[in-house]
Amino acid sequence: MSRDERQSRPSRRAFLTGAAAGGAGLAVGAAGASALASAVRQDTPAPQELMSQGGARVARATFRAAHQPGILTGPASACLLVAFRCLDPDRRALTGTLRALSAELERLMAGRALAPATADLPPSDSALLLGQGRQHVLATLSVGASLFDRRYGLAAAKPAELVPMGVLANDVLDPARTHGDLLLLLQGDHPDVCVHALRAAVRATKGGLAPAWSQDGFARPDATARAGTTGMRNLLGFKDGTGNPDAGKPAVMDKAVWVGADDGEPAWAVGGSYVAVRLIRLLVEQWDGTSLTEQERVVGRRKDSGAPLDGTKETDVPRYRDDPDGRLTPLDAHIRLANPRTAGAEKAMLRRGFNYARGLDDQGLAFVSYQRRLANFLQSQARLKGEPMERFTRPEGGGFYFALPGLTGDDDYLGQRLVET
């Protein structure tokens, strides 16, 4: 690394300070297990438990499976998104970083403690979770379009639709909160679980990663939620995630979320998924001064129940064909534009967003969606251009990424099929 590169690289201390000042609640420092060079297997892996939308507790999940954990499950009560720049000088070094990161994420998900360090050496763990018992974490790793530049010779292996996120409708993107070579999503029952996992993961890479941006968040369960309904409300007070495809049905997920062998993608990408992340500031003060009737017409749902305006309960499917003029559900209502219930538009993505608050005047939604084709997300965004909801939202960051396929072999690591092509 050149002297200029070292000078331009933000220090981990500076990243921590900036995150705290912005209310992101993120710490990056010394903890974890740099000594783990190979994957740690659970003696008796527990089956992955599907979590209901909106802050279900995290059960121990299987790290090695056809698909990464944390996608079909979530969002958990506490979430942490962190984007990184890769500092490795070549592909060989990048391979080492991915190996070490995979090993540490597997150890963390297994809940396995490190051997204690001697008193004259730095502690082997941050001790954030001492006395807290078993605290499970879910980790999901994705790659960004910038990883496929000239540094590592991976251009020919880039997923067909993976591009940097450009300016979409109503965007005011902050470069400091946009893009990244890698994206790590951590989920746990409490924020300190995610912070602990992040510190351990960063230490394991031995300086191979530099933080680009971060956002923490939360998803509080709705006490009135019933089976088959959405559990979380966003900070506009409306239920979020209604109409998601059923994550418990593999055939549905194969159609909506997972890249298949016949999709024209590189062979290594099969079993992965395109990821869209949008950090959307909600102009809550203006929203709070808007009448309930207008709020419901902007969204297209009842605020209390989540039911569509032509229905009585959240699970009712809007009947747009019976309302061609938008008398009940306005033609420009958010739900009608986002999912017009036409062929090809229904259930084309799995939404896994969470709320965030960086102060009184900076509250919002960290929108996260997984889709088999990025075009599905882009088409939805094109339909939303000019919607009334734009008066109350301002997308400020995020990016497009590709969630790496899961692991099935005993010695595989995340990204192996990509970097060893």
Protein backbone atom coordinates (compact mmCIF):
# COMPACT_ATOMS: atom_id res chain seq x y z
CA MET A 1 0.00 0.00 0.00
CA SER A 2 1.41 3.40 -0.95
CA ARG A 3 1.95 6.24 1.52
CA ASP A 4 -0.91 8.18 -0.12
CA GLU A 5 -3.24 5.21 0.23
CA ARG A 6 -2.38 4.86 3.91
CA GLN A 7 -3.00 8.54 4.49
CA SER A 8 -6.38 8.48 2.71
CA ARG A 9 -7.56 5.37 4.52
CA PRO A 10 -9.85 6.28 7.42
CA SER A 11 -8.64 4.94 10.74
CA ARG A 12 -10.85 2.59 12.70
CA ARG A 13 -10.83 5.14 15.53
CA ALA A 14 -12.08 7.83 13.14
CA PHE A 15 -14.78 5.48 11.87
CA LEU A 16 -15.92 4.77 15.43
CA THR A 17 -15.99 8.47 16.28
CA GLY A 18 -17.95 9.35 13.17
CA ALA A 19 -20.47 6.59 13.73
CA ALA A 20 -21.07 7.66 17.32
CA ALA A 21 -21.53 11.27 16.31
CA GLY A 22 -24.08 10.25 13.71
CA GLY A 23 -25.98 7.99 16.07
CA ALA A 24 -25.00 4.83 14.22
CA GLY A 25 -23.79 3.17 17.41
CA LEU A 26 -20.99 1.29 15.65
CA ALA A 27 -17.65 0.26 17.07
CA VAL A 28 -14.75 -1.20 15.13
CA GLY A 29 -11.77 -2.24 17.15
CA ALA A 30 -9.70 -5.08 18.57
CA ALA A 31 -11.51 -8.26 19.41
CA GLY A 32 -12.11 -11.66 17.93
CA ALA A 33 -9.98 -14.45 16.61
CA SER A 34 -7.24 -13.77 14.08
CA ALA A 35 -5.82 -17.18 14.88
CA LEU A 36 -8.70 -19.02 13.25
CA ALA A 37 -7.48 -19.94 9.80
CA SER A 38 -9.99 -22.67 9.00
CA ALA A 39 -13.72 -22.97 9.45
CA VAL A 40 -15.10 -24.04 12.83
CA ARG A 41 -17.86 -26.59 12.57
CA GLN A 42 -20.64 -27.02 15.08
CA ASP A 43 -20.70 -30.44 16.69
CA THR A 44 -24.47 -30.63 16.37
CA PRO A 45 -25.72 -27.87 14.09
CA ALA A 46 -29.16 -26.62 14.99
CA PRO A 47 -31.64 -26.14 12.15
CA GLN A 48 -32.09 -22.58 11.02
CA GLU A 49 -35.26 -21.08 12.48
CA LEU A 50 -37.36 -18.85 10.28
CA MET A 51 -38.04 -15.58 12.06
CA SER A 52 -41.25 -13.67 11.60
CA GLN A 53 -40.90 -10.23 10.03
CA GLY A 54 -40.27 -7.70 12.74
CA GLY A 55 -37.81 -8.57 15.46
CA ALA A 56 -38.09 -12.26 16.28
CA ARG A 57 -35.41 -13.68 18.53
CA VAL A 58 -32.34 -15.12 16.85
CA ALA A 59 -31.87 -18.85 17.21
CA ARG A 60 -28.57 -20.53 16.46
CA ALA A 61 -28.42 -21.01 12.71
CA THR A 62 -26.48 -23.36 10.48
CA PHE A 63 -23.62 -21.49 8.79
CA ARG A 64 -23.09 -24.11 6.10
CA ALA A 65 -26.10 -24.46 3.82
CA ALA A 66 -26.99 -23.94 0.18
CA HIS A 67 -27.84 -20.30 0.94
CA GLN A 68 -26.43 -17.87 3.48
CA PRO A 69 -28.28 -17.33 6.75
CA GLY A 70 -29.99 -14.05 7.51
CA ILE A 71 -31.82 -13.72 4.19
CA LEU A 72 -34.92 -15.85 4.62
CA THR A 73 -34.80 -14.96 8.31
CA GLY A 74 -35.18 -11.46 9.66
CA PRO A 75 -35.00 -8.73 10.34
CA ALA A 76 -33.92 -9.42 13.90
CA SER A 77 -34.48 -7.05 16.81
CA ALA A 78 -31.04 -5.48 16.22
CA CYS A 79 -29.32 -5.17 12.86
CA LEU A 80 -26.05 -3.67 11.65
CA LEU A 81 -25.09 -2.98 8.03
CA VAL A 82 -21.41 -2.30 7.35
CA ALA A 83 -19.84 -1.66 3.94
CA PHE A 84 -16.08 -2.14 3.47
CA ARG A 85 -13.37 -1.32 0.99
CA CYS A 86 -10.93 -4.16 0.36
CA LEU A 87 -7.30 -3.14 0.94
CA ASP A 88 -5.65 -6.36 -0.23
CA PRO A 89 -3.09 -5.75 -3.01
CA ASP A 90 -3.91 -8.84 -5.07
CA ARG A 91 -6.31 -11.77 -5.38
CA ARG A 92 -4.17 -14.07 -3.26
CA ALA A 93 -4.38 -11.66 -0.33
CA LEU A 94 -8.12 -11.17 -0.93
CA THR A 95 -8.53 -14.94 -0.75
CA GLY A 96 -6.88 -14.93 2.66
CA THR A 97 -9.20 -12.17 3.86
CA LEU A 98 -12.30 -14.05 2.73
CA ARG A 99 -11.04 -17.26 4.37
CA ALA A 100 -10.40 -15.53 7.68
CA LEU A 101 -13.68 -13.65 7.58
CA SER A 102 -15.66 -16.81 6.83
CA ALA A 103 -13.96 -18.70 9.65
CA GLU A 104 -14.71 -15.96 12.15
CA LEU A 105 -18.33 -15.56 11.07
CA GLU A 106 -18.83 -19.29 11.45
CA ARG A 107 -17.27 -19.25 14.92
CA LEU A 108 -19.48 -16.36 15.96
CA MET A 109 -22.63 -18.02 14.66
CA ALA A 110 -21.72 -21.25 16.46
CA GLY A 111 -21.37 -19.28 19.71
CA ARG A 112 -17.98 -20.85 20.37
CA ALA A 113 -15.68 -18.97 22.73
CA LEU A 114 -11.99 -18.37 22.16
CA ALA A 115 -9.26 -19.68 24.42
CA PRO A 116 -8.40 -17.09 27.08
CA ALA A 117 -5.27 -15.03 26.46
CA THR A 118 -2.45 -14.71 28.94
CA ALA A 119 -2.36 -11.59 31.09
CA ASP A 120 0.58 -10.02 29.23
CA LEU A 121 -1.18 -10.23 25.83
CA PRO A 122 -4.24 -8.40 24.48
CA PRO A 123 -7.49 -10.16 25.38
CA SER A 124 -8.74 -12.57 22.75
CA ASP A 125 -12.26 -11.16 22.99
CA SER A 126 -13.84 -7.76 23.61
CA ALA A 127 -15.79 -9.13 26.61
CA LEU A 128 -18.87 -7.17 25.51
CA LEU A 129 -21.04 -10.22 26.06
CA LEU A 130 -19.57 -11.54 29.30
CA GLY A 131 -22.35 -12.55 31.65
CA GLN A 132 -24.96 -12.46 28.90
CA GLY A 133 -25.05 -16.19 28.19
CA ARG A 134 -25.53 -17.48 24.67
CA GLN A 135 -26.10 -14.59 22.28
CA HIS A 136 -26.64 -15.78 18.72
CA VAL A 137 -25.83 -13.74 15.65
CA LEU A 138 -26.69 -14.08 11.97
CA ALA A 139 -24.18 -12.90 9.37
CA THR A 140 -24.72 -12.35 5.63
CA LEU A 141 -21.89 -11.32 3.28
CA SER A 142 -22.38 -9.69 -0.12
CA VAL A 143 -20.05 -8.25 -2.77
CA GLY A 144 -20.41 -4.90 -4.55
CA ALA A 145 -19.77 -3.95 -8.16
CA SER A 146 -16.50 -2.21 -7.26
CA LEU A 147 -14.91 -5.52 -6.24
CA PHE A 148 -14.88 -6.42 -9.93
CA ASP A 149 -12.59 -3.59 -11.03
CA ARG A 150 -8.96 -4.13 -12.14
CA ARG A 151 -7.49 -4.86 -8.71
CA TYR A 152 -8.29 -8.56 -8.52
CA GLY A 153 -8.89 -9.59 -12.13
CA LEU A 154 -12.50 -10.53 -11.46
CA ALA A 155 -14.20 -8.45 -14.16
CA ALA A 156 -15.20 -11.48 -16.23
CA ALA A 157 -16.86 -13.05 -13.19
CA LYS A 158 -19.13 -10.11 -12.33
CA PRO A 159 -22.84 -10.99 -12.04
CA ALA A 160 -24.61 -9.91 -15.22
CA GLU A 161 -26.85 -7.25 -13.62
CA LEU A 162 -24.56 -5.99 -10.84
CA VAL A 163 -23.85 -2.28 -11.31
CA PRO A 164 -23.17 0.65 -8.96
CA MET A 165 -26.39 2.16 -7.66
CA GLY A 166 -27.11 5.28 -9.69
CA VAL A 167 -29.41 8.13 -8.82
CA LEU A 168 -32.98 6.89 -8.75
CA ALA A 169 -36.20 8.79 -8.15
CA ASN A 170 -35.96 11.43 -5.42
CA ASP A 171 -32.37 10.47 -4.48
CA VAL A 172 -29.91 12.79 -2.75
CA LEU A 173 -27.08 10.30 -2.40
CA ASP A 174 -24.23 10.92 0.01
CA PRO A 175 -21.05 9.34 -1.42
CA ALA A 176 -19.86 8.67 2.12
CA ARG A 177 -22.90 6.40 2.69
CA THR A 178 -23.03 4.69 -0.70
CA HIS A 179 -21.45 1.62 -2.39
CA GLY A 180 -18.66 -0.63 -1.07
CA ASP A 181 -16.61 -3.69 -2.11
CA LEU A 182 -18.20 -5.87 0.58
CA LEU A 183 -21.37 -5.56 2.63
CA LEU A 184 -21.77 -7.36 5.94
CA LEU A 185 -25.21 -7.62 7.54
CA LEU A 186 -25.21 -8.68 11.18
CA GLN A 187 -28.39 -9.48 13.12
CA GLY A 188 -28.90 -10.27 16.78
CA ASP A 189 -31.22 -9.92 19.75
CA HIS A 190 -29.41 -6.82 21.01
CA PRO A 191 -27.14 -4.12 19.49
CA ASP A 192 -24.10 -5.20 21.49
CA VAL A 193 -24.31 -8.66 19.92
CA CYS A 194 -23.87 -7.10 16.48
CA VAL A 195 -21.08 -4.76 17.63
CA HIS A 196 -19.23 -7.65 19.26
CA ALA A 197 -19.47 -9.69 16.06
CA LEU A 198 -18.29 -6.79 13.93
CA ARG A 199 -15.22 -6.14 16.06
CA ALA A 200 -14.30 -9.81 15.99
CA ALA A 201 -14.79 -10.06 12.22
CA VAL A 202 -12.69 -6.98 11.49
CA ARG A 203 -9.85 -8.17 13.70
CA ALA A 204 -9.82 -11.54 11.97
CA THR A 205 -9.06 -9.94 8.60
CA LYS A 206 -5.80 -8.40 9.91
CA GLY A 207 -6.23 -5.06 8.19
CA GLY A 208 -7.63 -6.40 4.93
CA LEU A 209 -10.78 -4.29 5.20
CA ALA A 210 -11.40 -0.57 5.69
CA PRO A 211 -14.86 0.66 6.74
CA ALA A 212 -16.75 2.69 4.14
CA TRP A 213 -20.08 3.33 5.89
CA SER A 214 -22.37 1.76 8.44
CA GLN A 215 -25.94 1.86 9.65
CA ASP A 216 -27.44 0.17 12.66
CA GLY A 217 -31.13 -0.46 13.05
CA PHE A 218 -33.92 -2.15 14.90
CA ALA A 219 -37.18 -3.99 14.31
CA ARG A 220 -39.67 -4.05 17.15
CA PRO A 221 -42.33 -6.74 17.04
CA ASP A 222 -45.93 -5.56 16.75
CA ALA A 223 -47.77 -6.81 19.84
CA THR A 224 -50.98 -7.06 17.81
CA ALA A 225 -49.44 -9.19 15.05
CA ARG A 226 -51.24 -12.40 14.16
CA ALA A 227 -50.07 -15.45 12.26
CA GLY A 228 -49.49 -14.64 8.61
CA THR A 229 -49.28 -10.88 9.22
CA THR A 230 -46.41 -8.43 9.31
CA GLY A 231 -44.71 -7.91 12.66
CA MET A 232 -42.90 -4.60 12.21
CA ARG A 233 -44.02 -1.01 11.75
CA ASN A 234 -41.79 1.55 10.08
CA LEU A 235 -41.26 5.00 11.58
CA LEU A 236 -44.16 6.39 9.59
CA GLY A 237 -46.34 4.15 11.72
CA PHE A 238 -47.35 1.77 8.94
CA LYS A 239 -46.71 -1.95 8.76
CA ASP A 240 -43.66 -2.81 6.67
CA GLY A 241 -43.14 -5.92 4.56
CA THR A 242 -46.79 -6.72 3.86
CA GLY A 243 -47.15 -8.79 0.72
CA ASN A 244 -43.74 -10.45 0.92
CA PRO A 245 -43.47 -13.83 -0.79
CA ASP A 246 -43.54 -16.78 1.61
CA ALA A 247 -39.94 -17.34 2.75
CA GLY A 248 -40.93 -20.75 4.10
CA LYS A 249 -41.64 -22.15 0.63
CA PRO A 250 -38.45 -23.14 -1.25
CA ALA A 251 -40.16 -23.16 -4.65
CA VAL A 252 -41.35 -19.58 -4.12
CA MET A 253 -37.86 -18.47 -3.05
CA ASP A 254 -36.30 -20.20 -6.07
CA LYS A 255 -38.54 -18.10 -8.27
CA ALA A 256 -38.19 -14.77 -6.47
CA VAL A 257 -34.85 -14.71 -4.64
CA TRP A 258 -32.20 -17.23 -5.68
CA VAL A 259 -30.19 -17.05 -8.89
CA GLY A 260 -30.64 -20.27 -10.85
CA ALA A 261 -28.39 -22.28 -13.15
CA ASP A 262 -30.34 -21.15 -16.23
CA ASP A 263 -30.29 -17.41 -15.46
CA GLY A 264 -27.24 -16.60 -17.58
CA GLU A 265 -25.11 -15.74 -14.55
CA PRO A 266 -21.54 -16.92 -13.82
CA ALA A 267 -21.53 -20.46 -12.44
CA TRP A 268 -20.19 -19.30 -9.06
CA ALA A 269 -23.25 -17.03 -8.55
CA VAL A 270 -25.86 -19.81 -8.59
CA GLY A 271 -27.59 -19.88 -5.21
CA GLY A 272 -26.82 -16.24 -4.49
CA SER A 273 -29.11 -13.23 -4.73
CA TYR A 274 -29.05 -9.59 -5.82
CA VAL A 275 -29.29 -7.18 -2.90
CA ALA A 276 -30.67 -3.64 -3.02
CA VAL A 277 -29.95 -1.42 -0.02
CA ARG A 278 -31.54 2.02 0.32
CA LEU A 279 -30.94 4.28 3.31
CA ILE A 280 -34.14 6.32 3.20
CA ARG A 281 -34.54 9.32 5.46
CA LEU A 282 -38.15 9.84 6.46
CA LEU A 283 -39.27 13.44 6.82
CA VAL A 284 -41.20 12.61 9.95
CA GLU A 285 -41.99 16.15 11.05
CA GLN A 286 -43.79 16.85 7.79
CA TRP A 287 -45.45 13.43 7.92
CA ASP A 288 -46.66 13.95 11.47
CA GLY A 289 -48.46 17.11 10.34
CA THR A 290 -50.39 15.27 7.61
CA SER A 291 -53.94 14.05 8.19
CA LEU A 292 -54.58 10.37 8.76
CA THR A 293 -56.77 10.22 5.65
CA GLU A 294 -54.00 11.65 3.50
CA GLN A 295 -51.37 9.35 5.03
CA GLU A 296 -53.49 6.30 4.25
CA ARG A 297 -54.13 7.44 0.68
CA VAL A 298 -50.41 8.05 0.13
CA VAL A 299 -49.55 4.56 1.36
CA GLY A 300 -52.67 2.74 0.17
CA ARG A 301 -53.29 0.93 3.48
CA ARG A 302 -55.02 1.47 6.80
CA LYS A 303 -52.61 2.62 9.46
CA ASP A 304 -54.01 0.55 12.30
CA SER A 305 -54.56 -2.83 10.67
CA GLY A 306 -52.37 -2.70 7.58
CA ALA A 307 -55.36 -3.67 5.44
CA PRO A 308 -55.56 -2.31 1.88
CA LEU A 309 -58.06 0.51 1.51
CA ASP A 310 -60.52 -1.85 -0.18
CA GLY A 311 -60.11 -4.58 2.46
CA THR A 312 -60.55 -5.27 6.15
CA LYS A 313 -57.39 -7.12 7.21
CA GLU A 314 -53.70 -7.01 6.34
CA THR A 315 -53.69 -10.25 4.40
CA ASP A 316 -56.43 -9.09 2.00
CA VAL A 317 -55.22 -8.74 -1.58
CA PRO A 318 -56.07 -5.35 -3.13
CA ARG A 319 -58.67 -5.64 -5.92
CA TYR A 320 -57.35 -3.05 -8.35
CA ARG A 321 -59.39 -4.44 -11.24
CA ASP A 322 -62.53 -3.48 -9.33
CA ASP A 323 -61.16 0.03 -8.80
CA PRO A 324 -59.79 1.12 -12.22
CA ASP A 325 -60.23 4.84 -11.51
CA GLY A 326 -58.56 4.78 -8.09
CA ARG A 327 -61.67 5.76 -6.18
CA LEU A 328 -60.72 3.60 -3.17
CA THR A 329 -56.97 3.12 -3.71
CA PRO A 330 -55.47 6.10 -5.55
CA LEU A 331 -53.69 5.21 -8.77
CA ASP A 332 -50.52 6.77 -7.37
CA ALA A 333 -50.71 5.12 -3.91
CA HIS A 334 -47.40 3.59 -2.91
CA ILE A 335 -48.60 0.00 -2.73
CA ARG A 336 -50.38 0.25 -6.08
CA LEU A 337 -47.31 1.54 -7.90
CA ALA A 338 -44.84 -0.73 -6.13
CA ASN A 339 -46.89 -3.85 -6.83
CA PRO A 340 -49.66 -3.28 -9.37
CA ARG A 341 -50.65 -6.96 -9.13
CA THR A 342 -49.96 -7.54 -12.80
CA ALA A 343 -48.19 -10.51 -14.32
CA GLY A 344 -44.46 -10.44 -13.54
CA ALA A 345 -44.74 -7.72 -10.90
CA GLU A 346 -46.11 -9.73 -7.98
CA LYS A 347 -43.76 -10.92 -5.25
CA ALA A 348 -40.63 -10.30 -7.31
CA MET A 349 -38.48 -9.47 -4.27
CA LEU A 350 -38.13 -10.33 -0.58
CA ARG A 351 -37.99 -7.21 1.61
CA ARG A 352 -35.96 -7.33 4.82
CA GLY A 353 -35.67 -3.69 5.89
CA PHE A 354 -35.28 -2.25 9.37
CA ASN A 355 -35.75 1.10 11.09
CA TYR A 356 -32.99 3.47 12.10
CA ALA A 357 -32.74 6.69 14.12
CA ARG A 358 -29.70 8.98 13.98
CA GLY A 359 -31.34 11.77 15.93
CA LEU A 360 -34.64 13.61 16.05
CA ASP A 361 -34.36 14.95 12.51
CA ASP A 362 -32.73 11.88 10.93
CA GLN A 363 -34.98 8.87 11.19
CA GLY A 364 -35.64 6.41 8.45
CA LEU A 365 -35.80 3.01 6.88
CA ALA A 366 -32.83 0.90 5.86
CA PHE A 367 -34.58 -0.81 2.98
CA VAL A 368 -33.01 -4.18 2.12
CA SER A 369 -34.40 -6.45 -0.56
CA TYR A 370 -33.25 -9.72 -2.12
CA GLN A 371 -34.21 -10.64 -5.66
CA ARG A 372 -33.30 -13.14 -8.34
CA ARG A 373 -32.90 -10.27 -10.81
CA LEU A 374 -31.88 -6.73 -9.99
CA ALA A 375 -34.16 -5.65 -12.83
CA ASN A 376 -37.15 -6.54 -10.65
CA PHE A 377 -36.14 -3.90 -8.12
CA LEU A 378 -35.31 -1.31 -10.79
CA GLN A 379 -38.67 -1.80 -12.49
CA SER A 380 -40.45 -1.23 -9.19
CA GLN A 381 -38.44 1.95 -8.60
CA ALA A 382 -39.32 3.22 -12.08
CA ARG A 383 -43.02 2.79 -11.32
CA LEU A 384 -42.63 4.75 -8.08
CA LYS A 385 -41.09 7.80 -9.72
CA GLY A 386 -43.14 10.88 -8.88
CA GLU A 387 -45.35 9.17 -6.27
CA PRO A 388 -46.81 11.33 -3.47
CA MET A 389 -44.63 9.45 -0.97
CA GLU A 390 -41.63 11.35 -2.36
CA ARG A 391 -42.76 14.39 -0.34
CA PHE A 392 -41.94 12.49 2.84
CA THR A 393 -38.81 10.49 1.89
CA ARG A 394 -35.25 11.20 0.83
CA PRO A 395 -32.98 8.26 -0.12
CA GLU A 396 -29.44 9.18 0.95
CA GLY A 397 -27.29 6.08 0.54
CA GLY A 398 -26.98 2.33 0.19
CA GLY A 399 -25.95 0.40 -2.89
CA PHE A 400 -26.40 -2.69 -5.02
CA TYR A 401 -24.67 -5.91 -4.01
CA PHE A 402 -24.73 -9.65 -4.62
CA ALA A 403 -25.21 -12.01 -1.69
CA LEU A 404 -22.69 -14.81 -2.03
CA PRO A 405 -24.02 -18.36 -2.35
CA GLY A 406 -23.93 -20.50 0.77
CA LEU A 407 -21.41 -23.17 1.70
CA THR A 408 -21.87 -26.90 1.53
CA GLY A 409 -18.34 -28.35 1.76
CA ASP A 410 -16.47 -28.77 5.03
CA ASP A 411 -13.55 -26.56 3.97
CA ASP A 412 -15.36 -24.05 1.73
CA TYR A 413 -15.29 -20.33 2.48
CA LEU A 414 -17.52 -17.49 1.35
CA GLY A 415 -16.53 -16.26 -2.09
CA GLN A 416 -14.32 -19.26 -2.83
CA ARG A 417 -15.88 -20.08 -6.19
CA LEU A 418 -15.55 -16.43 -7.16
CA VAL A 419 -11.90 -15.81 -6.31
CA GLU A 420 -10.70 -19.24 -7.38
CA THR A 421 -12.23 -19.03 -10.87
